[in-house]
């Protein structure tokens, strides 16, 4: 395999990941603003994004930090939100598991929703790609995403540091979550999961440190999974 082929795979990844710029820029900027509004310094906000690189988990942790939740609760909640990354990793292993350890470690760090979606779609379209080509494509897909996540987190943090506390931008966190989940209502199972989660979260609102949200989330996932099984049985499709 030639270097040119690896370069072609890399630049195809860049092209496929480029549309996500439209999401990454406003989302990371908003996180930077909200984080500094919540009391984090510019350095702490940027470090948060560099270490974690997971928007939903970062917003979850930030919300709990604002409520003065214990550190263990903050970490457990962020981990629960980010459990999908474990499934992403398991799904990617058959495709890039033969790569050198340092490449796999780097890919693990850079596995986000956008890089996973692009990579899996490309690998399934072109199963004859070599492992180096797959790694090159993966790195290309994150090139327009991760550096901008860092950069615009910093931009948002610098802007947020200038925002008066009287503006009270805390309301932006729940609005952001609504914007994130709304496009995910694609099937009946998704709708059922969301409905059950909302229904459970209301009576569970009194549980300390927002743990009621985790309980509601688990209930919603169970309801969604059961709905999918019911739909599969009804259609005669075996899991």
Protein backbone atom coordinates (compact mmCIF):
# COMPACT_ATOMS: atom_id res chain seq x y z
CA UNK A 1 0.00 0.00 0.00
CA UNK A 2 1.42 3.36 -0.99
CA UNK A 3 1.64 6.57 0.99
CA UNK A 4 -0.57 8.17 -1.68
CA UNK A 5 -3.34 5.67 -0.89
CA UNK A 6 -3.15 6.48 2.80
CA UNK A 7 -3.26 10.17 1.97
CA UNK A 8 -6.34 9.64 -0.18
CA UNK A 9 -8.07 7.83 2.69
CA UNK A 10 -7.09 10.62 5.08
CA UNK A 11 -8.42 13.41 2.88
CA UNK A 12 -11.64 11.51 2.23
CA UNK A 13 -12.05 11.35 6.00
CA UNK A 14 -11.47 15.10 6.23
CA UNK A 15 -14.14 15.70 3.57
CA UNK A 16 -16.64 13.41 5.29
CA UNK A 17 -16.05 14.99 8.69
CA UNK A 18 -16.20 18.59 7.45
CA UNK A 19 -20.01 19.02 7.62
CA UNK A 20 -19.86 18.49 11.39
CA UNK A 21 -18.09 21.85 11.67
CA UNK A 22 -21.54 23.45 11.55
CA UNK A 23 -22.38 21.68 14.82
CA UNK A 24 -19.01 21.70 16.57
CA UNK A 25 -18.41 25.45 16.44
CA UNK A 26 -21.61 26.65 18.16
CA UNK A 27 -21.73 23.67 20.56
CA UNK A 28 -18.16 24.05 21.81
CA UNK A 29 -18.51 27.84 22.02
CA UNK A 30 -21.64 27.43 24.13
CA UNK A 31 -19.86 25.02 26.44
CA UNK A 32 -17.03 27.47 26.95
CA UNK A 33 -19.45 30.28 27.78
CA UNK A 34 -21.56 28.20 30.16
CA UNK A 35 -18.52 26.68 31.90
CA UNK A 36 -17.04 30.06 32.76
CA UNK A 37 -20.48 31.30 33.78
CA UNK A 38 -20.60 28.32 36.16
CA UNK A 39 -17.35 29.42 37.79
CA UNK A 40 -14.60 27.54 35.93
CA UNK A 41 -11.55 29.48 34.83
CA UNK A 42 -10.58 29.71 31.17
CA UNK A 43 -7.77 27.20 31.77
CA UNK A 44 -10.08 24.77 33.60
CA UNK A 45 -12.68 25.03 30.85
CA UNK A 46 -10.17 24.32 28.08
CA UNK A 47 -8.61 21.46 30.07
CA UNK A 48 -12.08 19.97 30.52
CA UNK A 49 -12.60 19.81 26.76
CA UNK A 50 -9.10 18.52 26.04
CA UNK A 51 -9.31 15.72 28.61
CA UNK A 52 -12.90 14.61 28.03
CA UNK A 53 -13.91 15.54 24.43
CA UNK A 54 -17.52 14.54 25.04
CA UNK A 55 -20.10 17.28 24.81
CA UNK A 56 -23.04 15.54 26.48
CA UNK A 57 -20.91 14.23 29.36
CA UNK A 58 -19.32 17.65 29.82
CA UNK A 59 -22.67 19.42 30.03
CA UNK A 60 -23.95 16.75 32.44
CA UNK A 61 -20.94 17.14 34.70
CA UNK A 62 -21.22 20.91 34.53
CA UNK A 63 -24.88 20.84 35.56
CA UNK A 64 -24.10 18.64 38.57
CA UNK A 65 -21.13 20.79 39.54
CA UNK A 66 -23.44 23.79 39.61
CA UNK A 67 -25.64 21.87 42.04
CA UNK A 68 -22.62 21.15 44.27
CA UNK A 69 -22.97 17.40 43.79
CA UNK A 70 -20.20 15.21 45.26
CA UNK A 71 -17.32 14.46 42.92
CA UNK A 72 -18.21 10.75 42.83
CA UNK A 73 -21.73 11.58 41.62
CA UNK A 74 -20.39 13.95 38.95
CA UNK A 75 -17.95 11.32 37.65
CA UNK A 76 -20.50 8.49 37.75
CA UNK A 77 -23.10 10.55 35.90
CA UNK A 78 -20.67 11.67 33.21
CA UNK A 79 -19.52 8.08 32.81
CA UNK A 80 -23.10 6.87 32.46
CA UNK A 81 -23.78 9.43 29.73
CA UNK A 82 -20.60 8.37 27.94
CA UNK A 83 -21.13 4.59 28.09
CA UNK A 84 -21.98 4.61 24.40
CA UNK A 85 -18.26 5.09 23.73
CA UNK A 86 -17.66 1.56 25.01
CA UNK A 87 -20.08 0.28 22.39
CA UNK A 88 -18.39 2.41 19.75
CA UNK A 89 -15.02 0.91 20.67
CA UNK A 90 -16.34 -2.64 20.51
CA UNK A 91 -17.83 -1.91 17.09
CA UNK A 92 -14.56 -0.44 15.76
CA UNK A 93 -12.33 -3.24 17.04
CA UNK A 94 -12.95 -5.67 14.14
CA UNK A 95 -11.92 -2.93 11.71
CA UNK A 96 -8.87 -1.34 13.37
CA UNK A 97 -8.01 -3.81 16.12
CA UNK A 98 -4.90 -4.96 14.24
CA UNK A 99 -3.37 -1.47 14.21
CA UNK A 100 -0.31 -0.72 16.38
CA UNK A 101 -1.06 -0.04 20.05
CA UNK A 102 -0.24 3.67 19.85
CA UNK A 103 -2.64 4.12 16.93
CA UNK A 104 -5.40 2.26 18.75
CA UNK A 105 -4.81 4.37 21.86
CA UNK A 106 -4.99 7.57 19.82
CA UNK A 107 -8.15 6.37 18.06
CA UNK A 108 -9.69 5.54 21.44
CA UNK A 109 -8.99 9.06 22.67
CA UNK A 110 -10.41 10.57 19.47
CA UNK A 111 -13.52 8.38 19.29
CA UNK A 112 -16.49 10.74 19.35
CA UNK A 113 -19.93 10.50 17.77
CA UNK A 114 -18.77 12.14 14.55
CA UNK A 115 -15.63 10.07 14.01
CA UNK A 116 -17.49 6.85 14.79
CA UNK A 117 -20.38 7.56 12.42
CA UNK A 118 -18.06 8.48 9.56
CA UNK A 119 -15.66 5.57 10.15
CA UNK A 120 -18.25 2.80 10.43
CA UNK A 121 -20.12 4.01 7.36
CA UNK A 122 -16.91 4.13 5.32
CA UNK A 123 -15.59 0.78 6.56
CA UNK A 124 -18.86 -0.92 5.65
CA UNK A 125 -18.91 0.72 2.22
CA UNK A 126 -15.29 -0.25 1.52
CA UNK A 127 -14.52 -3.47 3.46
CA UNK A 128 -11.39 -4.03 1.33
CA UNK A 129 -9.59 -1.07 2.94
CA UNK A 130 -6.36 -2.04 4.69
CA UNK A 131 -5.89 -1.31 8.39
CA UNK A 132 -3.49 1.63 7.71
CA UNK A 133 -6.06 3.07 5.30
CA UNK A 134 -8.79 2.73 7.93
CA UNK A 135 -6.65 4.47 10.53
CA UNK A 136 -5.82 7.23 8.05
CA UNK A 137 -9.51 7.72 7.26
CA UNK A 138 -10.41 7.80 10.95
CA UNK A 139 -7.79 10.45 11.66
CA UNK A 140 -9.03 12.44 8.69
CA UNK A 141 -12.61 12.34 9.98
CA UNK A 142 -11.61 13.84 13.35
CA UNK A 143 -9.34 16.51 11.86
CA UNK A 144 -12.17 19.01 11.24
CA UNK A 145 -13.84 18.12 14.54
CA UNK A 146 -11.48 17.82 17.51
CA UNK A 147 -9.17 20.83 16.91
CA UNK A 148 -12.21 23.06 16.46
CA UNK A 149 -13.73 21.63 19.64
CA UNK A 150 -10.62 22.78 21.52
CA UNK A 151 -10.38 26.13 19.75
CA UNK A 152 -13.99 27.21 20.14
CA UNK A 153 -14.17 25.99 23.72
CA UNK A 154 -11.37 28.49 24.31
CA UNK A 155 -13.22 31.17 22.34
CA UNK A 156 -16.38 30.53 24.35
CA UNK A 157 -14.45 30.58 27.62
CA UNK A 158 -12.84 33.91 26.75
CA UNK A 159 -16.23 35.32 25.80
CA UNK A 160 -17.87 33.86 28.87
CA UNK A 161 -15.29 35.42 31.13
CA UNK A 162 -16.55 38.81 29.91
CA UNK A 163 -20.25 38.00 30.38
CA UNK A 164 -21.77 39.65 33.48
CA UNK A 165 -23.09 37.19 36.08
CA UNK A 166 -26.45 38.99 35.94
CA UNK A 167 -27.01 37.46 32.49
CA UNK A 168 -27.53 34.02 34.13
CA UNK A 169 -26.89 31.77 31.14
CA UNK A 170 -27.64 28.58 33.10
CA UNK A 171 -30.85 28.14 31.13
CA UNK A 172 -28.78 27.32 28.04
CA UNK A 173 -27.81 23.89 29.38
CA UNK A 174 -31.29 22.28 29.27
CA UNK A 175 -32.01 24.00 25.96
CA UNK A 176 -28.80 22.52 24.56
CA UNK A 177 -29.82 19.03 25.65
CA UNK A 178 -33.21 19.46 23.98
CA UNK A 179 -31.47 20.49 20.76
CA UNK A 180 -29.22 17.42 21.00
CA UNK A 181 -31.95 14.82 21.53
CA UNK A 182 -34.71 16.18 19.29
CA UNK A 183 -33.20 14.81 16.03
CA UNK A 184 -32.88 11.35 17.65
CA UNK A 185 -36.63 10.67 17.73
CA UNK A 186 -36.53 8.53 14.61
CA UNK A 187 -38.47 5.41 15.67
CA UNK A 188 -41.26 4.36 18.01
CA UNK A 189 -38.67 2.90 20.38
CA UNK A 190 -36.97 6.30 20.66
CA UNK A 191 -40.27 8.03 21.38
CA UNK A 192 -41.26 5.44 24.01
CA UNK A 193 -37.84 5.71 25.67
CA UNK A 194 -38.14 9.50 25.86
CA UNK A 195 -41.72 9.38 27.15
CA UNK A 196 -40.91 6.85 29.89
CA UNK A 197 -37.79 8.78 30.91
CA UNK A 198 -39.81 11.99 31.27
CA UNK A 199 -42.60 10.22 33.14
CA UNK A 200 -40.17 8.68 35.63
CA UNK A 201 -38.10 11.83 36.05
CA UNK A 202 -41.05 13.86 37.35
CA UNK A 203 -41.71 11.83 40.52
CA UNK A 204 -37.96 11.22 40.89
CA UNK A 205 -37.12 14.91 40.93
CA UNK A 206 -36.66 14.87 44.71
CA UNK A 207 -33.75 12.40 44.62
CA UNK A 208 -30.58 14.30 45.65
CA UNK A 209 -27.88 15.40 43.21
CA UNK A 210 -30.12 14.88 40.17
CA UNK A 211 -29.76 11.09 40.50
CA UNK A 212 -33.41 10.89 39.54
CA UNK A 213 -32.29 11.68 35.98
CA UNK A 214 -30.08 8.58 35.94
CA UNK A 215 -32.96 6.47 37.26
CA UNK A 216 -35.22 7.94 34.59
CA UNK A 217 -32.61 7.36 31.91
CA UNK A 218 -32.25 3.70 32.83
CA UNK A 219 -36.03 3.28 32.83
CA UNK A 220 -36.23 4.94 29.42
CA UNK A 221 -33.51 2.69 27.95
CA UNK A 222 -35.26 -0.41 29.27
CA UNK A 223 -38.57 0.73 27.81
CA UNK A 224 -36.97 1.52 24.46
CA UNK A 225 -35.23 -1.86 24.33
CA UNK A 226 -38.45 -3.68 25.14
CA UNK A 227 -40.27 -1.71 22.44
CA UNK A 228 -37.64 -2.71 19.87
CA UNK A 229 -38.01 -6.38 20.86
CA UNK A 230 -41.80 -6.10 20.57
CA UNK A 231 -41.51 -4.52 17.12
CA UNK A 232 -39.09 -7.24 15.99
CA UNK A 233 -41.41 -10.02 17.17
CA UNK A 234 -44.36 -8.34 15.52
CA UNK A 235 -42.53 -8.07 12.20
CA UNK A 236 -41.18 -11.60 12.45
CA UNK A 237 -37.55 -10.42 12.51
CA UNK A 238 -35.29 -12.25 14.94
CA UNK A 239 -32.78 -10.19 17.00
